[in-house]
Amino acid sequence: RANELQADGHDVIHLEIGEPDFTTAAPIVAA
């Protein structure tokens, strides 16, 4: 439902996801 709301242009704040919002650190990506 949150994704539907976003697709309709609403700004949804996601506090349900058990995942860091940071992308993988650059040295790991480079490796």
PDB file of all heavy atoms in Angstrom:
ATOM      1  N   ARG A   1       0.832  -1.206   0.000  1.00  0.00           N
ATOM      2  CA  ARG A   1       0.000   0.000   0.000  1.00  0.00           C
ATOM      3  C   ARG A   1       0.871   1.263   0.000  1.00  0.00           C
ATOM      4  O   ARG A   1       0.549   2.243  -0.683  1.00  0.00           O
ATOM      5  CB  ARG A   1      -0.923  -0.023   1.217  1.00  0.00           C
ATOM      6  CG  ARG A   1      -1.801   1.206   1.361  1.00  0.00           C
ATOM      7  CD  ARG A   1      -2.689   1.421   0.149  1.00  0.00           C
ATOM      8  NE  ARG A   1      -3.510   2.618   0.300  1.00  0.00           N
ATOM      9  CZ  ARG A   1      -3.916   3.368  -0.715  1.00  0.00           C
ATOM     10  NH1 ARG A   1      -3.586   3.038  -1.962  1.00  0.00           N
ATOM     11  NH2 ARG A   1      -4.655   4.443  -0.497  1.00  0.00           N
ATOM     12  N   ALA A   2       1.977   1.231   0.764  1.00  0.00           N
ATOM     13  CA  ALA A   2       2.895   2.382   0.775  1.00  0.00           C
ATOM     14  C   ALA A   2       3.435   2.657  -0.624  1.00  0.00           C
ATOM     15  O   ALA A   2       3.541   3.816  -1.053  1.00  0.00           O
ATOM     16  CB  ALA A   2       4.038   2.124   1.758  1.00  0.00           C
ATOM     17  N   ASN A   3       3.757   1.598  -1.327  1.00  0.00           N
ATOM     18  CA  ASN A   3       4.262   1.763  -2.699  1.00  0.00           C
ATOM     19  C   ASN A   3       3.196   2.330  -3.632  1.00  0.00           C
ATOM     20  O   ASN A   3       3.500   3.129  -4.527  1.00  0.00           O
ATOM     21  CB  ASN A   3       4.793   0.429  -3.220  1.00  0.00           C
ATOM     22  CG  ASN A   3       6.064  -0.005  -2.512  1.00  0.00           C
ATOM     23  OD1 ASN A   3       6.795   0.832  -1.971  1.00  0.00           O
ATOM     24  ND2 ASN A   3       6.340  -1.303  -2.495  1.00  0.00           N
ATOM     25  N   GLU A   4       1.941   1.916  -3.421  1.00  0.00           N
ATOM     26  CA  GLU A   4       0.838   2.490  -4.204  1.00  0.00           C
ATOM     27  C   GLU A   4       0.710   3.985  -3.936  1.00  0.00           C
ATOM     28  O   GLU A   4       0.526   4.788  -4.869  1.00  0.00           O
ATOM     29  CB  GLU A   4      -0.477   1.794  -3.846  1.00  0.00           C
ATOM     30  CG  GLU A   4      -0.618   0.380  -4.358  1.00  0.00           C
ATOM     31  CD  GLU A   4      -1.930  -0.242  -3.900  1.00  0.00           C
ATOM     32  OE1 GLU A   4      -2.737   0.457  -3.225  1.00  0.00           O
ATOM     33  OE2 GLU A   4      -2.158  -1.435  -4.207  1.00  0.00           O
ATOM     34  N   LEU A   5       0.800   4.365  -2.662  1.00  0.00           N
ATOM     35  CA  LEU A   5       0.695   5.776  -2.302  1.00  0.00           C
ATOM     36  C   LEU A   5       1.832   6.588  -2.925  1.00  0.00           C
ATOM     37  O   LEU A   5       1.627   7.702  -3.413  1.00  0.00           O
ATOM     38  CB  LEU A   5       0.694   5.930  -0.778  1.00  0.00           C
ATOM     39  CG  LEU A   5      -0.574   5.440  -0.067  1.00  0.00           C
ATOM     40  CD1 LEU A   5      -0.345   5.338   1.435  1.00  0.00           C
ATOM     41  CD2 LEU A   5      -1.749   6.380  -0.360  1.00  0.00           C
ATOM     42  N   GLN A   6       3.041   5.995  -2.896  1.00  0.00           N
ATOM     43  CA  GLN A   6       4.176   6.684  -3.514  1.00  0.00           C
ATOM     44  C   GLN A   6       3.970   6.848  -5.009  1.00  0.00           C
ATOM     45  O   GLN A   6       4.274   7.898  -5.578  1.00  0.00           O
ATOM     46  CB  GLN A   6       5.469   5.913  -3.236  1.00  0.00           C
ATOM     47  CG  GLN A   6       6.009   6.126  -1.848  1.00  0.00           C
ATOM     48  CD  GLN A   6       7.370   5.502  -1.629  1.00  0.00           C
ATOM     49  OE1 GLN A   6       7.939   5.658  -0.561  1.00  0.00           O
ATOM     50  NE2 GLN A   6       7.911   4.803  -2.590  1.00  0.00           N
ATOM     51  N   ALA A   7       3.453   5.811  -5.655  1.00  0.00           N
ATOM     52  CA  ALA A   7       3.208   5.873  -7.097  1.00  0.00           C
ATOM     53  C   ALA A   7       2.180   6.946  -7.436  1.00  0.00           C
ATOM     54  O   ALA A   7       2.210   7.530  -8.528  1.00  0.00           O
ATOM     55  CB  ALA A   7       2.747   4.514  -7.610  1.00  0.00           C
ATOM     56  N   ASP A   8       1.302   7.247  -6.472  1.00  0.00           N
ATOM     57  CA  ASP A   8       0.298   8.295  -6.675  1.00  0.00           C
ATOM     58  C   ASP A   8       0.829   9.679  -6.321  1.00  0.00           C
ATOM     59  O   ASP A   8       0.072  10.653  -6.329  1.00  0.00           O
ATOM     60  CB  ASP A   8      -0.948   7.998  -5.839  1.00  0.00           C
ATOM     61  CG  ASP A   8      -1.732   6.806  -6.369  1.00  0.00           C
ATOM     62  OD1 ASP A   8      -1.555   6.454  -7.546  1.00  0.00           O
ATOM     63  OD2 ASP A   8      -2.512   6.216  -5.591  1.00  0.00           O
ATOM     64  N   GLY A   9       2.126   9.740  -5.952  1.00  0.00           N
ATOM     65  CA  GLY A   9       2.745  11.029  -5.698  1.00  0.00           C
ATOM     66  C   GLY A   9       2.840  11.439  -4.247  1.00  0.00           C
ATOM     67  O   GLY A   9       3.285  12.558  -3.938  1.00  0.00           O
ATOM     68  N   HIS A  10       2.464  10.564  -3.324  1.00  0.00           N
ATOM     69  CA  HIS A  10       2.550  10.889  -1.895  1.00  0.00           C
ATOM     70  C   HIS A  10       3.968  10.634  -1.367  1.00  0.00           C
ATOM     71  O   HIS A  10       4.653   9.717  -1.815  1.00  0.00           O
ATOM     72  CB  HIS A  10       1.546  10.071  -1.093  1.00  0.00           C
ATOM     73  CG  HIS A  10       0.120  10.356  -1.443  1.00  0.00           C
ATOM     74  ND1 HIS A  10      -0.526  11.520  -1.065  1.00  0.00           N
ATOM     75  CD2 HIS A  10      -0.797   9.643  -2.167  1.00  0.00           C
ATOM     76  CE1 HIS A  10      -1.767  11.500  -1.520  1.00  0.00           C
ATOM     77  NE2 HIS A  10      -1.959  10.378  -2.192  1.00  0.00           N
ATOM     78  N   ASP A  11       4.373  11.432  -0.400  1.00  0.00           N
ATOM     79  CA  ASP A  11       5.687  11.297   0.240  1.00  0.00           C
ATOM     80  C   ASP A  11       5.553  10.374   1.450  1.00  0.00           C
ATOM     81  O   ASP A  11       5.035  10.778   2.494  1.00  0.00           O
ATOM     82  CB  ASP A  11       6.203  12.675   0.667  1.00  0.00           C
ATOM     83  CG  ASP A  11       7.504  12.585   1.448  1.00  0.00           C
ATOM     84  OD1 ASP A  11       8.307  11.679   1.161  1.00  0.00           O
ATOM     85  OD2 ASP A  11       7.701  13.418   2.369  1.00  0.00           O
ATOM     86  N   VAL A  12       5.984   9.133   1.306  1.00  0.00           N
ATOM     87  CA  VAL A  12       5.880   8.147   2.385  1.00  0.00           C
ATOM     88  C   VAL A  12       7.213   8.045   3.114  1.00  0.00           C
ATOM     89  O   VAL A  12       8.266   7.896   2.489  1.00  0.00           O
ATOM     90  CB  VAL A  12       5.462   6.765   1.837  1.00  0.00           C
ATOM     91  CG1 VAL A  12       5.411   5.735   2.970  1.00  0.00           C
ATOM     92  CG2 VAL A  12       4.116   6.853   1.132  1.00  0.00           C
ATOM     93  N   ILE A  13       7.160   8.134   4.440  1.00  0.00           N
ATOM     94  CA  ILE A  13       8.363   7.947   5.258  1.00  0.00           C
ATOM     95  C   ILE A  13       8.391   6.495   5.720  1.00  0.00           C
ATOM     96  O   ILE A  13       7.475   6.036   6.416  1.00  0.00           O
ATOM     97  CB  ILE A  13       8.385   8.904   6.465  1.00  0.00           C
ATOM     98  CG1 ILE A  13       8.341  10.356   5.993  1.00  0.00           C
ATOM     99  CG2 ILE A  13       9.647   8.655   7.308  1.00  0.00           C
ATOM    100  CD1 ILE A  13       8.288  11.375   7.131  1.00  0.00           C
ATOM    101  N   HIS A  14       9.427   5.772   5.337  1.00  0.00           N
ATOM    102  CA  HIS A  14       9.515   4.335   5.618  1.00  0.00           C
ATOM    103  C   HIS A  14      10.291   4.084   6.919  1.00  0.00           C
ATOM    104  O   HIS A  14      11.506   4.236   6.965  1.00  0.00           O
ATOM    105  CB  HIS A  14      10.198   3.614   4.460  1.00  0.00           C
ATOM    106  CG  HIS A  14       9.388   3.580   3.205  1.00  0.00           C
ATOM    107  ND1 HIS A  14       8.420   2.624   2.976  1.00  0.00           N
ATOM    108  CD2 HIS A  14       9.374   4.392   2.122  1.00  0.00           C
ATOM    109  CE1 HIS A  14       7.856   2.836   1.794  1.00  0.00           C
ATOM    110  NE2 HIS A  14       8.409   3.915   1.260  1.00  0.00           N
ATOM    111  N   LEU A  15       9.546   3.664   7.932  1.00  0.00           N
ATOM    112  CA  LEU A  15      10.159   3.248   9.197  1.00  0.00           C
ATOM    113  C   LEU A  15       9.868   1.766   9.456  1.00  0.00           C
ATOM    114  O   LEU A  15       9.982   1.296  10.580  1.00  0.00           O
ATOM    115  CB  LEU A  15       9.622   4.095  10.355  1.00  0.00           C
ATOM    116  CG  LEU A  15       9.753   5.619  10.218  1.00  0.00           C
ATOM    117  CD1 LEU A  15       9.245   6.307  11.470  1.00  0.00           C
ATOM    118  CD2 LEU A  15      11.197   6.025   9.940  1.00  0.00           C
ATOM    119  N   GLU A  16       9.492   1.051   8.412  1.00  0.00           N
ATOM    120  CA  GLU A  16       9.142  -0.363   8.548  1.00  0.00           C
ATOM    121  C   GLU A  16      10.243  -1.295   8.057  1.00  0.00           C
ATOM    122  O   GLU A  16      10.198  -2.503   8.317  1.00  0.00           O
ATOM    123  CB  GLU A  16       7.831  -0.660   7.789  1.00  0.00           C
ATOM    124  CG  GLU A  16       7.961  -0.891   6.290  1.00  0.00           C
ATOM    125  CD  GLU A  16       8.062   0.371   5.455  1.00  0.00           C
ATOM    126  OE1 GLU A  16       8.579   1.386   5.965  1.00  0.00           O
ATOM    127  OE2 GLU A  16       7.653   0.333   4.295  1.00  0.00           O
ATOM    128  N   ILE A  17      11.243  -0.770   7.372  1.00  0.00           N
ATOM    129  CA  ILE A  17      12.222  -1.619   6.706  1.00  0.00           C
ATOM    130  C   ILE A  17      13.421  -1.894   7.615  1.00  0.00           C
ATOM    131  O   ILE A  17      14.054  -0.956   8.108  1.00  0.00           O
ATOM    132  CB  ILE A  17      12.717  -0.963   5.398  1.00  0.00           C
ATOM    133  CG1 ILE A  17      11.529  -0.638   4.486  1.00  0.00           C
ATOM    134  CG2 ILE A  17      13.705  -1.883   4.684  1.00  0.00           C
ATOM    135  CD1 ILE A  17      10.727  -1.839   4.059  1.00  0.00           C
ATOM    136  N   GLY A  18      13.735  -3.174   7.832  1.00  0.00           N
ATOM    137  CA  GLY A  18      14.880  -3.559   8.650  1.00  0.00           C
ATOM    138  C   GLY A  18      16.156  -3.615   7.838  1.00  0.00           C
ATOM    139  O   GLY A  18      16.837  -4.649   7.795  1.00  0.00           O
ATOM    140  N   GLU A  19      16.480  -2.501   7.195  1.00  0.00           N
ATOM    141  CA  GLU A  19      17.641  -2.454   6.312  1.00  0.00           C
ATOM    142  C   GLU A  19      18.299  -1.085   6.433  1.00  0.00           C
ATOM    143  O   GLU A  19      17.610  -0.063   6.364  1.00  0.00           O
ATOM    144  CB  GLU A  19      17.199  -2.690   4.862  1.00  0.00           C
ATOM    145  CG  GLU A  19      18.315  -2.617   3.846  1.00  0.00           C
ATOM    146  CD  GLU A  19      17.850  -2.960   2.442  1.00  0.00           C
ATOM    147  OE1 GLU A  19      16.660  -2.727   2.131  1.00  0.00           O
ATOM    148  OE2 GLU A  19      18.661  -3.468   1.657  1.00  0.00           O
ATOM    149  N   PRO A  20      19.616  -1.035   6.617  1.00  0.00           N
ATOM    150  CA  PRO A  20      20.278   0.272   6.664  1.00  0.00           C
ATOM    151  C   PRO A  20      19.983   1.077   5.405  1.00  0.00           C
ATOM    152  O   PRO A  20      19.906   0.529   4.307  1.00  0.00           O
ATOM    153  CB  PRO A  20      21.770  -0.083   6.760  1.00  0.00           C
ATOM    154  CG  PRO A  20      21.808  -1.487   7.271  1.00  0.00           C
ATOM    155  CD  PRO A  20      20.572  -2.150   6.738  1.00  0.00           C
ATOM    156  N   ASP A  21      19.809   2.382   5.588  1.00  0.00           N
ATOM    157  CA  ASP A  21      19.544   3.234   4.431  1.00  0.00           C
ATOM    158  C   ASP A  21      20.814   3.608   3.683  1.00  0.00           C
ATOM    159  O   ASP A  21      20.752   4.149   2.587  1.00  0.00           O
ATOM    160  CB  ASP A  21      18.797   4.502   4.855  1.00  0.00           C
ATOM    161  CG  ASP A  21      19.501   5.258   5.977  1.00  0.00           C
ATOM    162  OD1 ASP A  21      19.955   4.598   6.929  1.00  0.00           O
ATOM    163  OD2 ASP A  21      19.576   6.495   5.927  1.00  0.00           O
ATOM    164  N   PHE A  22      21.965   3.326   4.281  1.00  0.00           N
ATOM    165  CA  PHE A  22      23.236   3.596   3.618  1.00  0.00           C
ATOM    166  C   PHE A  22      23.494   2.526   2.554  1.00  0.00           C
ATOM    167  O   PHE A  22      23.240   1.342   2.783  1.00  0.00           O
ATOM    168  CB  PHE A  22      24.387   3.571   4.627  1.00  0.00           C
ATOM    169  CG  PHE A  22      24.207   4.521   5.778  1.00  0.00           C
ATOM    170  CD1 PHE A  22      23.913   4.041   7.042  1.00  0.00           C
ATOM    171  CD2 PHE A  22      24.334   5.892   5.600  1.00  0.00           C
ATOM    172  CE1 PHE A  22      23.757   4.910   8.116  1.00  0.00           C
ATOM    173  CE2 PHE A  22      24.175   6.769   6.660  1.00  0.00           C
ATOM    174  CZ  PHE A  22      23.885   6.282   7.922  1.00  0.00           C
ATOM    175  N   THR A  23      24.016   2.940   1.422  1.00  0.00           N
ATOM    176  CA  THR A  23      24.445   1.951   0.438  1.00  0.00           C
ATOM    177  C   THR A  23      25.780   1.348   0.881  1.00  0.00           C
ATOM    178  O   THR A  23      26.439   1.856   1.794  1.00  0.00           O
ATOM    179  CB  THR A  23      24.589   2.589  -0.952  1.00  0.00           C
ATOM    180  OG1 THR A  23      25.517   3.678  -0.871  1.00  0.00           O
ATOM    181  CG2 THR A  23      23.256   3.103  -1.463  1.00  0.00           C
ATOM    182  N   THR A  24      26.173   0.261   0.246  1.00  0.00           N
ATOM    183  CA  THR A  24      27.414  -0.417   0.614  1.00  0.00           C
ATOM    184  C   THR A  24      28.603   0.544   0.502  1.00  0.00           C
ATOM    185  O   THR A  24      28.716   1.308  -0.465  1.00  0.00           O
ATOM    186  CB  THR A  24      27.646  -1.634  -0.298  1.00  0.00           C
ATOM    187  OG1 THR A  24      26.524  -2.515  -0.175  1.00  0.00           O
ATOM    188  CG2 THR A  24      28.912  -2.383   0.090  1.00  0.00           C
ATOM    189  N   ALA A  25      29.485   0.503   1.495  1.00  0.00           N
ATOM    190  CA  ALA A  25      30.634   1.411   1.546  1.00  0.00           C
ATOM    191  C   ALA A  25      31.517   1.247   0.302  1.00  0.00           C
ATOM    192  O   ALA A  25      31.693   0.136  -0.216  1.00  0.00           O
ATOM    193  CB  ALA A  25      31.447   1.153   2.803  1.00  0.00           C
ATOM    194  N   ALA A  26      32.073   2.360  -0.157  1.00  0.00           N
ATOM    195  CA  ALA A  26      32.817   2.393  -1.424  1.00  0.00           C
ATOM    196  C   ALA A  26      33.956   1.375  -1.507  1.00  0.00           C
ATOM    197  O   ALA A  26      34.134   0.744  -2.563  1.00  0.00           O
ATOM    198  CB  ALA A  26      33.341   3.814  -1.675  1.00  0.00           C
ATOM    199  N   PRO A  27      34.755   1.159  -0.453  1.00  0.00           N
ATOM    200  CA  PRO A  27      35.832   0.169  -0.587  1.00  0.00           C
ATOM    201  C   PRO A  27      35.316  -1.245  -0.854  1.00  0.00           C
ATOM    202  O   PRO A  27      35.967  -2.024  -1.559  1.00  0.00           O
ATOM    203  CB  PRO A  27      36.564   0.247   0.761  1.00  0.00           C
ATOM    204  CG  PRO A  27      36.237   1.599   1.303  1.00  0.00           C
ATOM    205  CD  PRO A  27      34.843   1.881   0.848  1.00  0.00           C
ATOM    206  N   ILE A  28      34.143  -1.577  -0.306  1.00  0.00           N
ATOM    207  CA  ILE A  28      33.559  -2.903  -0.530  1.00  0.00           C
ATOM    208  C   ILE A  28      33.077  -3.009  -1.968  1.00  0.00           C
ATOM    209  O   ILE A  28      33.302  -4.022  -2.648  1.00  0.00           O
ATOM    210  CB  ILE A  28      32.415  -3.160   0.465  1.00  0.00           C
ATOM    211  CG1 ILE A  28      32.911  -3.032   1.913  1.00  0.00           C
ATOM    212  CG2 ILE A  28      31.805  -4.541   0.231  1.00  0.00           C
ATOM    213  CD1 ILE A  28      31.801  -3.073   2.953  1.00  0.00           C
ATOM    214  N   VAL A  29      32.433  -1.961  -2.453  1.00  0.00           N
ATOM    215  CA  VAL A  29      31.964  -1.940  -3.842  1.00  0.00           C
ATOM    216  C   VAL A  29      33.149  -2.086  -4.800  1.00  0.00           C
ATOM    217  O   VAL A  29      33.099  -2.864  -5.764  1.00  0.00           O
ATOM    218  CB  VAL A  29      31.190  -0.642  -4.135  1.00  0.00           C
ATOM    219  CG1 VAL A  29      30.848  -0.540  -5.619  1.00  0.00           C
ATOM    220  CG2 VAL A  29      29.920  -0.580  -3.295  1.00  0.00           C
ATOM    221  N   ALA A  30      34.216  -1.352  -4.527  1.00  0.00           N
ATOM    222  CA  ALA A  30      35.398  -1.409  -5.396  1.00  0.00           C
ATOM    223  C   ALA A  30      35.994  -2.811  -5.415  1.00  0.00           C
ATOM    224  O   ALA A  30      36.419  -3.300  -6.477  1.00  0.00           O
ATOM    225  CB  ALA A  30      36.438  -0.388  -4.922  1.00  0.00           C
ATOM    226  N   ALA A  31      36.011  -3.471  -4.251  1.00  0.00           N
ATOM    227  CA  ALA A  31      36.542  -4.836  -4.196  1.00  0.00           C
ATOM    228  C   ALA A  31      35.665  -5.788  -4.995  1.00  0.00           C
ATOM    229  O   ALA A  31      36.172  -6.698  -5.668  1.00  0.00           O
ATOM    230  CB  ALA A  31      36.658  -5.295  -2.742  1.00  0.00           C
TER     231      ALA A  31
END
